[in-house]
N, C-alpha and C. Protein backbone atom coordinates (compact mmCIF):
# COMPACT_ATOMS: atom_id res chain seq x y z
N UNK A 1 0.60 -12.78 15.29
CA UNK A 1 0.34 -12.84 13.87
C UNK A 1 -0.43 -11.58 13.45
N UNK A 2 -0.07 -11.04 12.31
CA UNK A 2 -0.69 -9.81 11.82
C UNK A 2 -2.10 -10.08 11.30
N UNK A 3 -2.95 -9.09 11.47
CA UNK A 3 -4.28 -9.12 10.89
C UNK A 3 -4.11 -8.89 9.40
N UNK A 4 -4.65 -9.76 8.57
CA UNK A 4 -4.43 -9.70 7.13
C UNK A 4 -5.64 -9.12 6.41
N UNK A 5 -5.38 -8.18 5.51
CA UNK A 5 -6.38 -7.64 4.60
C UNK A 5 -5.88 -7.93 3.19
N UNK A 6 -6.72 -8.50 2.35
CA UNK A 6 -6.31 -8.76 0.97
C UNK A 6 -7.23 -8.04 0.00
N UNK A 7 -6.62 -7.53 -1.05
CA UNK A 7 -7.34 -6.88 -2.14
C UNK A 7 -7.20 -7.80 -3.34
N UNK A 8 -8.32 -8.33 -3.81
CA UNK A 8 -8.30 -9.30 -4.89
C UNK A 8 -9.33 -8.95 -5.95
N UNK A 9 -9.08 -9.40 -7.18
CA UNK A 9 -10.06 -9.14 -8.23
C UNK A 9 -11.38 -9.85 -7.94
N UNK A 10 -12.46 -9.18 -8.28
CA UNK A 10 -13.80 -9.76 -8.22
C UNK A 10 -14.38 -9.68 -9.62
N UNK A 11 -15.46 -10.34 -9.86
CA UNK A 11 -16.01 -10.41 -11.21
C UNK A 11 -16.26 -9.05 -11.84
N UNK A 12 -16.75 -8.10 -11.07
CA UNK A 12 -17.05 -6.78 -11.64
C UNK A 12 -16.28 -5.66 -10.96
N UNK A 13 -15.15 -6.00 -10.32
CA UNK A 13 -14.36 -4.98 -9.64
C UNK A 13 -13.31 -5.61 -8.76
N UNK A 14 -13.25 -5.12 -7.52
CA UNK A 14 -12.23 -5.56 -6.57
C UNK A 14 -12.85 -5.79 -5.21
N UNK A 15 -12.31 -6.75 -4.47
CA UNK A 15 -12.84 -7.08 -3.15
C UNK A 15 -11.76 -6.88 -2.09
N UNK A 16 -12.19 -6.43 -0.93
CA UNK A 16 -11.33 -6.39 0.26
C UNK A 16 -11.85 -7.49 1.18
N UNK A 17 -10.93 -8.38 1.58
CA UNK A 17 -11.31 -9.50 2.44
C UNK A 17 -10.42 -9.51 3.69
N UNK A 18 -11.02 -9.90 4.79
CA UNK A 18 -10.29 -10.07 6.04
C UNK A 18 -11.17 -10.84 7.01
N UNK A 19 -10.53 -11.60 7.88
CA UNK A 19 -11.30 -12.30 8.91
C UNK A 19 -11.94 -11.32 9.88
N UNK A 20 -11.44 -10.09 9.92
CA UNK A 20 -11.99 -9.10 10.84
C UNK A 20 -13.25 -8.41 10.29
N UNK A 21 -13.56 -8.65 9.03
CA UNK A 21 -14.74 -8.05 8.40
C UNK A 21 -15.92 -9.02 8.44
N UNK A 22 -17.09 -8.49 8.69
CA UNK A 22 -18.30 -9.33 8.70
C UNK A 22 -18.59 -9.87 7.31
N UNK A 23 -18.24 -9.08 6.30
CA UNK A 23 -18.44 -9.52 4.91
C UNK A 23 -17.42 -8.81 4.03
N UNK A 24 -17.25 -9.29 2.82
CA UNK A 24 -16.33 -8.67 1.87
C UNK A 24 -16.82 -7.29 1.49
N UNK A 25 -15.87 -6.42 1.19
CA UNK A 25 -16.21 -5.09 0.69
C UNK A 25 -15.89 -5.08 -0.80
N UNK A 26 -16.79 -4.54 -1.63
CA UNK A 26 -16.57 -4.52 -3.07
C UNK A 26 -16.44 -3.10 -3.59
N UNK A 27 -15.55 -2.94 -4.57
CA UNK A 27 -15.27 -1.64 -5.18
C UNK A 27 -15.14 -1.83 -6.68
N UNK A 28 -15.54 -0.82 -7.43
CA UNK A 28 -15.38 -0.87 -8.89
C UNK A 28 -13.93 -0.64 -9.29
N UNK A 29 -13.20 0.17 -8.50
CA UNK A 29 -11.83 0.52 -8.83
C UNK A 29 -10.86 -0.09 -7.83
N UNK A 30 -9.78 -0.65 -8.36
CA UNK A 30 -8.79 -1.28 -7.50
C UNK A 30 -8.12 -0.31 -6.53
N UNK A 31 -7.90 0.91 -6.98
CA UNK A 31 -7.27 1.91 -6.13
C UNK A 31 -8.11 2.23 -4.91
N UNK A 32 -9.40 2.26 -5.09
CA UNK A 32 -10.30 2.52 -3.96
C UNK A 32 -10.30 1.35 -2.98
N UNK A 33 -10.26 0.14 -3.52
CA UNK A 33 -10.20 -1.05 -2.66
C UNK A 33 -8.91 -1.05 -1.85
N UNK A 34 -7.80 -0.74 -2.52
CA UNK A 34 -6.51 -0.70 -1.82
C UNK A 34 -6.52 0.38 -0.73
N UNK A 35 -7.04 1.56 -1.05
CA UNK A 35 -7.09 2.65 -0.07
C UNK A 35 -7.92 2.25 1.15
N UNK A 36 -9.04 1.57 0.93
CA UNK A 36 -9.88 1.14 2.06
C UNK A 36 -9.16 0.09 2.90
N UNK A 37 -8.51 -0.86 2.24
CA UNK A 37 -7.78 -1.90 2.97
C UNK A 37 -6.66 -1.28 3.81
N UNK A 38 -5.96 -0.32 3.24
CA UNK A 38 -4.88 0.33 3.98
C UNK A 38 -5.41 1.15 5.14
N UNK A 39 -6.55 1.79 4.96
CA UNK A 39 -7.17 2.56 6.05
C UNK A 39 -7.60 1.62 7.18
N UNK A 40 -8.17 0.47 6.85
CA UNK A 40 -8.56 -0.51 7.86
C UNK A 40 -7.34 -1.05 8.60
N UNK A 41 -6.26 -1.30 7.87
CA UNK A 41 -5.04 -1.79 8.50
C UNK A 41 -4.44 -0.73 9.42
N UNK A 42 -4.47 0.51 9.00
CA UNK A 42 -3.96 1.60 9.83
C UNK A 42 -4.79 1.75 11.10
N UNK A 43 -6.10 1.60 10.99
CA UNK A 43 -6.97 1.66 12.18
C UNK A 43 -6.63 0.54 13.15
N UNK A 44 -6.39 -0.65 12.62
CA UNK A 44 -6.01 -1.78 13.48
C UNK A 44 -4.67 -1.49 14.16
N UNK A 45 -3.73 -0.91 13.44
CA UNK A 45 -2.42 -0.57 14.01
C UNK A 45 -2.57 0.46 15.12
N UNK A 46 -3.43 1.43 14.92
CA UNK A 46 -3.67 2.44 15.95
C UNK A 46 -4.30 1.84 17.21
N UNK A 47 -4.99 0.72 17.05
CA UNK A 47 -5.59 0.01 18.18
C UNK A 47 -4.60 -0.98 18.82
N UNK A 48 -3.37 -1.02 18.31
CA UNK A 48 -2.35 -1.87 18.90
C UNK A 48 -2.13 -3.22 18.25
N UNK A 49 -2.76 -3.45 17.09
CA UNK A 49 -2.58 -4.73 16.39
C UNK A 49 -1.69 -4.53 15.17
N UNK A 50 -0.83 -5.48 14.89
CA UNK A 50 -0.09 -5.41 13.63
C UNK A 50 -1.04 -5.84 12.51
N UNK A 51 -0.87 -5.23 11.36
CA UNK A 51 -1.77 -5.53 10.24
C UNK A 51 -0.96 -5.51 8.94
N UNK A 52 -1.45 -6.27 7.99
CA UNK A 52 -0.79 -6.36 6.69
C UNK A 52 -1.84 -6.30 5.59
N UNK A 53 -1.50 -5.57 4.53
CA UNK A 53 -2.36 -5.51 3.34
C UNK A 53 -1.60 -6.17 2.20
N UNK A 54 -2.26 -7.09 1.52
CA UNK A 54 -1.70 -7.72 0.32
C UNK A 54 -2.61 -7.40 -0.85
N UNK A 55 -2.02 -6.88 -1.92
CA UNK A 55 -2.78 -6.50 -3.11
C UNK A 55 -2.38 -7.43 -4.25
N UNK A 56 -3.38 -8.04 -4.86
CA UNK A 56 -3.14 -9.01 -5.93
C UNK A 56 -3.65 -8.47 -7.27
N UNK A 57 -2.93 -8.80 -8.33
CA UNK A 57 -3.33 -8.44 -9.68
C UNK A 57 -4.39 -9.42 -10.19
N UNK A 58 -4.97 -9.10 -11.33
CA UNK A 58 -6.00 -9.98 -11.91
C UNK A 58 -5.45 -11.36 -12.25
N UNK A 59 -4.15 -11.45 -12.55
CA UNK A 59 -3.56 -12.76 -12.86
C UNK A 59 -3.15 -13.54 -11.62
N UNK A 60 -3.42 -12.99 -10.43
CA UNK A 60 -3.12 -13.66 -9.18
C UNK A 60 -1.77 -13.32 -8.58
N UNK A 61 -0.94 -12.57 -9.33
CA UNK A 61 0.38 -12.19 -8.82
C UNK A 61 0.25 -11.16 -7.71
N UNK A 62 1.16 -11.24 -6.75
CA UNK A 62 1.19 -10.27 -5.67
C UNK A 62 1.76 -8.95 -6.21
N UNK A 63 0.98 -7.88 -6.12
CA UNK A 63 1.40 -6.58 -6.63
C UNK A 63 2.05 -5.73 -5.55
N UNK A 64 1.63 -5.91 -4.31
CA UNK A 64 2.18 -5.10 -3.24
C UNK A 64 1.83 -5.66 -1.88
N UNK A 65 2.66 -5.30 -0.91
CA UNK A 65 2.46 -5.76 0.46
C UNK A 65 2.81 -4.59 1.37
N UNK A 66 1.91 -4.24 2.27
CA UNK A 66 2.08 -3.11 3.16
C UNK A 66 1.90 -3.58 4.59
N UNK A 67 2.91 -3.34 5.44
CA UNK A 67 2.87 -3.77 6.83
C UNK A 67 2.65 -2.54 7.71
N UNK A 68 1.70 -2.66 8.63
CA UNK A 68 1.38 -1.59 9.57
C UNK A 68 1.72 -2.08 10.97
N UNK A 69 2.73 -1.45 11.58
CA UNK A 69 3.16 -1.84 12.93
C UNK A 69 2.17 -1.31 13.97
N UNK A 70 2.02 -2.02 15.08
CA UNK A 70 1.12 -1.54 16.14
C UNK A 70 1.59 -0.18 16.67
N UNK A 71 0.66 0.65 17.05
CA UNK A 71 0.95 2.01 17.50
C UNK A 71 1.92 2.03 18.67
N UNK A 72 1.77 1.16 19.66
CA UNK A 72 2.65 1.21 20.81
C UNK A 72 4.07 0.84 20.43
N UNK A 73 4.25 0.04 19.38
CA UNK A 73 5.59 -0.30 18.91
C UNK A 73 6.27 0.94 18.33
N UNK A 74 5.49 1.81 17.71
CA UNK A 74 6.04 3.03 17.14
C UNK A 74 6.40 4.04 18.24
N UNK A 75 5.60 4.07 19.29
CA UNK A 75 5.80 5.03 20.35
C UNK A 75 6.96 4.65 21.27
N UNK A 76 7.23 3.35 21.38
CA UNK A 76 8.17 2.84 22.34
C UNK A 76 9.59 3.03 21.98
């Protein structure tokens, strides 16, 4: 199962959430939250784990989904 990172609206900005994080990360801008989530997912992929980023709009709709394959899968 892929490690999941989600970018969701927060009261005063955007949050990045994942079971792999000790706590949520908060950002004022959604683009920055998405960039951080994608960087974390890419780091996990480089360590050999599959990872997925899901970005949600303020109305709860899924805006985007990005899958990061494990590094050894790419090399093989």
